[in-house]
C-alpha atoms as a PDB file:
ATOM      1  CA  MET A   1     149.637 124.607 218.750  1.00  0.00           C
ATOM      2  CA  ARG A   2     150.411 127.058 215.997  1.00  0.00           C
ATOM      3  CA  LYS A   3     147.891 129.656 214.928  1.00  0.00           C
ATOM      4  CA  ILE A   4     147.396 130.344 211.316  1.00  0.00           C
ATOM      5  CA  SER A   5     146.214 133.530 209.700  1.00  0.00           C
ATOM      6  CA  ARG A   6     142.856 133.875 207.993  1.00  0.00           C
ATOM      7  CA  ALA A   7     144.677 134.303 204.646  1.00  0.00           C
ATOM      8  CA  GLN A   8     146.545 131.087 205.226  1.00  0.00           C
ATOM      9  CA  PHE A   9     143.380 129.205 206.260  1.00  0.00           C
ATOM     10  CA  LEU A  10     141.467 130.460 203.087  1.00  0.00           C
ATOM     11  CA  SER A  11     144.298 129.574 200.770  1.00  0.00           C
ATOM     12  CA  THR A  12     144.143 126.020 202.149  1.00  0.00           C
ATOM     13  CA  ALA A  13     140.473 125.703 202.566  1.00  0.00           C
ATOM     14  CA  SER A  14     139.439 127.124 199.152  1.00  0.00           C
ATOM     15  CA  PRO A  15     140.750 124.225 197.032  1.00  0.00           C
ATOM     16  CA  LEU A  16     139.314 121.698 199.457  1.00  0.00           C
ATOM     17  CA  LEU A  17     135.972 123.356 199.325  1.00  0.00           C
ATOM     18  CA  ALA A  18     136.157 123.427 195.525  1.00  0.00           C
ATOM     19  CA  ILE A  19     136.894 119.681 195.437  1.00  0.00           C
ATOM     20  CA  ALA A  20     134.016 118.960 197.828  1.00  0.00           C
ATOM     21  CA  GLY A  21     131.685 121.147 195.827  1.00  0.00           C
ATOM     22  CA  SER A  22     132.689 119.263 192.575  1.00  0.00           C
ATOM     23  CA  ALA A  23     132.109 115.944 194.121  1.00  0.00           C
ATOM     24  CA  ARG A  24     128.741 117.058 195.304  1.00  0.00           C
ATOM     25  CA  LEU A  25     127.782 118.263 191.840  1.00  0.00           C
ATOM     26  CA  LEU A  26     128.864 114.944 190.332  1.00  0.00           C
ATOM     27  CA  ALA A  27     126.942 112.962 192.939  1.00  0.00           C
ATOM     28  CA  GLN A  28     123.872 115.106 192.379  1.00  0.00           C
ATOM     29  CA  GLY A  29     124.113 114.818 188.633  1.00  0.00           C
ATOM     30  CA  GLY A  30     120.835 113.005 188.608  1.00  0.00           C
ATOM     31  CA  ASP A  31     122.297 109.692 187.420  1.00  0.00           C
ATOM     32  CA  THR A  32     120.386 106.765 188.815  1.00  0.00           C
ATOM     33  CA  PRO A  33     122.036 103.886 187.050  1.00  0.00           C
ATOM     34  CA  ILE A  34     120.941 100.307 186.712  1.00  0.00           C
ATOM     35  CA  ILE A  35     123.872  97.874 186.940  1.00  0.00           C
ATOM     36  CA  ILE A  36     123.462  94.253 185.928  1.00  0.00           C
ATOM     37  CA  ARG A  37     126.201  91.961 187.007  1.00  0.00           C
ATOM     38  CA  ASP A  38     126.949  88.331 185.954  1.00  0.00           C
ATOM     39  CA  GLY A  39     127.380  85.342 188.292  1.00  0.00           C
ATOM     40  CA  SER A  40     124.228  84.932 190.265  1.00  0.00           C
ATOM     41  CA  LEU A  41     122.664  87.650 188.225  1.00  0.00           C
ATOM     42  CA  LYS A  42     122.423  90.930 190.283  1.00  0.00           C
ATOM     43  CA  ILE A  43     120.527  93.932 189.271  1.00  0.00           C
ATOM     44  CA  ARG A  44     121.504  97.084 191.231  1.00  0.00           C
ATOM     45  CA  SER A  45     119.408 100.288 191.174  1.00  0.00           C
ATOM     46  CA  ALA A  46     120.407 103.603 192.582  1.00  0.00           C
ATOM     47  CA  ALA A  47     116.700 104.238 192.898  1.00  0.00           C
ATOM     48  CA  LYS A  48     114.908 102.179 195.617  1.00  0.00           C
ATOM     49  CA  TRP A  49     113.170  99.008 194.222  1.00  0.00           C
ATOM     50  CA  SER A  50     110.205  99.774 196.419  1.00  0.00           C
ATOM     51  CA  ASP A  51     109.776 103.024 194.492  1.00  0.00           C
ATOM     52  CA  PHE A  52     109.432 101.246 191.097  1.00  0.00           C
ATOM     53  CA  ALA A  53     105.754 101.224 190.074  1.00  0.00           C
ATOM     54  CA  LYS A  54     104.206  97.778 189.204  1.00  0.00           C
ATOM     55  CA  GLU A  55     102.548  98.193 185.906  1.00  0.00           C
ATOM     56  CA  ASN A  56     101.617  94.497 185.769  1.00  0.00           C
ATOM     57  CA  THR A  57     103.078  91.279 187.054  1.00  0.00           C
ATOM     58  CA  ARG A  58     106.016  91.305 184.581  1.00  0.00           C
ATOM     59  CA  ARG A  59     106.717  95.107 184.264  1.00  0.00           C
ATOM     60  CA  ARG A  60     108.005  97.767 186.622  1.00  0.00           C
ATOM     61  CA  ARG A  61     108.582 101.406 185.988  1.00  0.00           C
ATOM     62  CA  HIS A  62     111.567 103.455 187.195  1.00  0.00           C
ATOM     63  CA  PRO A  63     110.431 106.167 189.608  1.00  0.00           C
ATOM     64  CA  LYS A  64     112.054 109.000 187.655  1.00  0.00           C
ATOM     65  CA  ASN A  65     109.899 109.109 184.532  1.00  0.00           C
ATOM     66  CA  GLY A  66     111.417 112.323 183.308  1.00  0.00           C
ATOM     67  CA  SER A  67     114.932 111.029 183.271  1.00  0.00           C
ATOM     68  CA  ARG A  68     116.471 109.451 180.082  1.00  0.00           C
ATOM     69  CA  ILE A  69     119.051 106.904 179.173  1.00  0.00           C
ATOM     70  CA  THR A  70     122.340 108.674 178.117  1.00  0.00           C
ATOM     71  CA  SER A  71     124.520 105.616 177.651  1.00  0.00           C
ATOM     72  CA  VAL A  72     124.834 101.864 178.117  1.00  0.00           C
ATOM     73  CA  VAL A  73     128.209 100.439 178.999  1.00  0.00           C
ATOM     74  CA  VAL A  74     128.794  96.771 178.401  1.00  0.00           C
ATOM     75  CA  GLU A  75     131.910  95.327 179.924  1.00  0.00           C
ATOM     76  CA  LEU A  76     132.958  91.845 178.869  1.00  0.00           C
ATOM     77  CA  PRO A  77     136.316  90.123 179.746  1.00  0.00           C
ATOM     78  CA  GLY A  78     138.824  92.009 177.579  1.00  0.00           C
ATOM     79  CA  SER A  79     136.487  94.561 176.170  1.00  0.00           C
ATOM     80  CA  LYS A  80     134.348  97.534 177.044  1.00  0.00           C
ATOM     81  CA  ASN A  81     131.585  98.980 174.780  1.00  0.00           C
ATOM     82  CA  THR A  82     129.820 102.259 175.357  1.00  0.00           C
ATOM     83  CA  VAL A  83     126.584 102.958 173.411  1.00  0.00           C
ATOM     84  CA  GLN A  84     125.553 106.620 173.509  1.00  0.00           C
ATOM     85  CA  PHE A  85     121.876 107.696 173.416  1.00  0.00           C
ATOM     86  CA  ALA A  86     120.602 111.260 172.539  1.00  0.00           C
ATOM     87  CA  ASN A  87     116.884 111.268 173.267  1.00  0.00           C
ATOM     88  CA  GLN A  88     116.362 107.889 171.512  1.00  0.00           C
ATOM     89  CA  ARG A  89     114.500 104.641 172.326  1.00  0.00           C
ATOM     90  CA  CYS A  90     116.793 102.353 174.288  1.00  0.00           C
ATOM     91  CA  GLU A  91     116.157  98.632 174.604  1.00  0.00           C
ATOM     92  CA  VAL A  92     118.527  96.295 176.432  1.00  0.00           C
ATOM     93  CA  LYS A  93     117.771  92.563 176.579  1.00  0.00           C
ATOM     94  CA  VAL A  94     119.776  90.372 178.826  1.00  0.00           C
ATOM     95  CA  THR A  95     119.280  86.567 178.940  1.00  0.00           C
ATOM     96  CA  TYR A  96     120.386  84.681 182.074  1.00  0.00           C
ATOM     97  CA  ALA A  97     119.476  81.093 183.021  1.00  0.00           C
ATOM     98  CA  GLY A  98     116.770  81.068 180.359  1.00  0.00           C
ATOM     99  CA  THR A  99     115.205  84.293 181.748  1.00  0.00           C
ATOM    100  CA  ASP A 100     115.008  87.459 179.707  1.00  0.00           C
ATOM    101  CA  VAL A 101     115.313  90.819 181.421  1.00  0.00           C
ATOM    102  CA  LEU A 102     114.235  93.560 179.110  1.00  0.00           C
ATOM    103  CA  LEU A 103     114.870  97.181 179.913  1.00  0.00           C
ATOM    104  CA  PHE A 104     113.265  99.700 177.608  1.00  0.00           C
ATOM    105  CA  THR A 105     112.284 103.355 177.228  1.00  0.00           C
ATOM    106  CA  ASN A 106     109.816 105.539 175.321  1.00  0.00           C
ATOM    107  CA  PRO A 107     110.948 106.658 171.802  1.00  0.00           C
ATOM    108  CA  ASN A 108     112.474 109.796 173.509  1.00  0.00           C
ATOM    109  CA  GLY A 109     114.688 107.732 175.780  1.00  0.00           C
ATOM    110  CA  ARG A 110     112.556 108.443 178.940  1.00  0.00           C
ATOM    111  CA  ASN A 111     110.275 106.397 181.162  1.00  0.00           C
ATOM    112  CA  LEU A 112     112.556 103.418 181.794  1.00  0.00           C
ATOM    113  CA  ARG A 113     110.699 100.104 182.396  1.00  0.00           C
ATOM    114  CA  ILE A 114     111.940  96.670 183.310  1.00  0.00           C
ATOM    115  CA  GLU A 115     110.202  93.577 182.194  1.00  0.00           C
ATOM    116  CA  THR A 116     110.915  90.089 183.538  1.00  0.00           C
ATOM    117  CA  ASN A 117     109.714  87.159 185.590  1.00  0.00           C
ATOM    118  CA  TRP A 118     110.029  88.974 188.975  1.00  0.00           C
ATOM    119  CA  ASP A 119     109.166  85.711 190.858  1.00  0.00           C
ATOM    120  CA  LEU A 120     112.701  84.527 190.023  1.00  0.00           C
ATOM    121  CA  PHE A 121     114.343  87.435 191.892  1.00  0.00           C
ATOM    122  CA  LYS A 122     114.879  87.907 195.562  1.00  0.00           C
ATOM    123  CA  PRO A 123     116.552  90.709 197.680  1.00  0.00           C
ATOM    124  CA  GLY A 124     120.294  90.716 197.412  1.00  0.00           C
ATOM    125  CA  ALA A 125     122.946  91.123 200.136  1.00  0.00           C
ATOM    126  CA  GLU A 126     122.906  94.859 199.591  1.00  0.00           C
ATOM    127  CA  ILE A 127     119.675  96.912 199.887  1.00  0.00           C
ATOM    128  CA  ASP A 128     120.017  98.094 196.298  1.00  0.00           C
ATOM    129  CA  ASP A 129     120.409  94.644 194.807  1.00  0.00           C
ATOM    130  CA  LEU A 130     118.043  92.095 193.477  1.00  0.00           C
ATOM    131  CA  GLU A 131     119.431  88.529 192.737  1.00  0.00           C
ATOM    132  CA  HIS A 132     118.262  85.820 190.386  1.00  0.00           C
ATOM    133  CA  SER A 133     117.271  82.681 192.353  1.00  0.00           C
ATOM    134  CA  GLU A 134     119.568  80.607 189.976  1.00  0.00           C
ATOM    135  CA  ALA A 135     123.025  81.313 191.382  1.00  0.00           C
ATOM    136  CA  ASN A 136     125.093  79.148 189.024  1.00  0.00           C
ATOM    137  CA  SER A 137     124.510  80.501 185.616  1.00  0.00           C
ATOM    138  CA  LYS A 138     125.977  83.225 183.377  1.00  0.00           C
ATOM    139  CA  ILE A 139     124.575  85.892 181.083  1.00  0.00           C
ATOM    140  CA  SER A 140     124.363  84.159 177.739  1.00  0.00           C
ATOM    141  CA  ARG A 141     123.175  87.054 175.574  1.00  0.00           C
ATOM    142  CA  VAL A 142     123.129  90.872 175.555  1.00  0.00           C
ATOM    143  CA  ILE A 143     121.304  92.825 172.861  1.00  0.00           C
ATOM    144  CA  ILE A 144     121.166  96.584 172.777  1.00  0.00           C
ATOM    145  CA  ARG A 145     118.912  98.468 170.379  1.00  0.00           C
ATOM    146  CA  ARG A 146     119.000 102.219 169.653  1.00  0.00           C
ATOM    147  CA  GLY A 147     115.751 103.245 168.080  1.00  0.00           C
ATOM    148  CA  ASP A 148     115.018 100.462 165.541  1.00  0.00           C
ATOM    149  CA  THR A 149     118.668  99.482 165.079  1.00  0.00           C
ATOM    150  CA  THR A 150     120.542  96.685 166.863  1.00  0.00           C
ATOM    151  CA  VAL A 151     123.900  98.251 167.878  1.00  0.00           C
ATOM    152  CA  LEU A 152     125.296  95.430 170.036  1.00  0.00           C
ATOM    153  CA  ASP A 153     124.553  91.665 170.074  1.00  0.00           C
ATOM    154  CA  GLU A 154     126.970  89.627 172.280  1.00  0.00           C
ATOM    155  CA  SER A 155     126.926  86.082 173.552  1.00  0.00           C
ATOM    156  CA  PRO A 156     129.284  86.306 176.561  1.00  0.00           C
ATOM    157  CA  ASN A 157     130.400  83.555 178.820  1.00  0.00           C
ATOM    158  CA  GLY A 158     130.911  85.123 182.227  1.00  0.00           C
ATOM    159  CA  GLY A 159     132.261  88.250 183.725  1.00  0.00           C
ATOM    160  CA  THR A 160     129.681  90.642 182.204  1.00  0.00           C
ATOM    161  CA  VAL A 161     128.643  94.002 183.630  1.00  0.00           C
ATOM    162  CA  ILE A 162     126.029  96.205 182.006  1.00  0.00           C
ATOM    163  CA  THR A 163     125.416  99.782 183.259  1.00  0.00           C
ATOM    164  CA  LEU A 164     122.549 101.860 182.002  1.00  0.00           C
ATOM    165  CA  HIS A 165     123.057 105.549 182.806  1.00  0.00           C
ATOM    166  CA  TYR A 166     119.645 107.119 183.541  1.00  0.00           C
ATOM    167  CA  GLN A 167     119.966 110.908 184.068  1.00  0.00           C
ATOM    168  CA  ASP A 168     117.862 113.976 184.504  1.00  0.00           C
END
């Protein structure tokens, strides 16, 4: 076994520590995204579903009220659309198997809520997932509104992924 000097150790360790520190900062960036995936509709949340407050039978509120939507990414086969938000109301409506899932914020882009028929959802294979009880359908419509303006209106036919970035 060969000993290395302190200078050699630090010259090797410093870049590794810098990379580890950068990864930690990125991971702690406060983003708790909501990901909606097609094919047996799955909704994944970085925040625990049990932490979402039930406002009524159809509406749940994200536990991080002070966070805001910064962007919504819609991936369809062959295309990817990113809609940026700057402290603006965000509304995302997804239709799957005749069920609407509405995600919306206050006018300032904060206080994300989700409204749907929760009786149609069950725990998914992963702890962060909820799955629609109808496993053989596809997302048939995605509408995104920024403020009072519709900025995206798509009628996909499978392979859809929607990511709402919700950050501090």
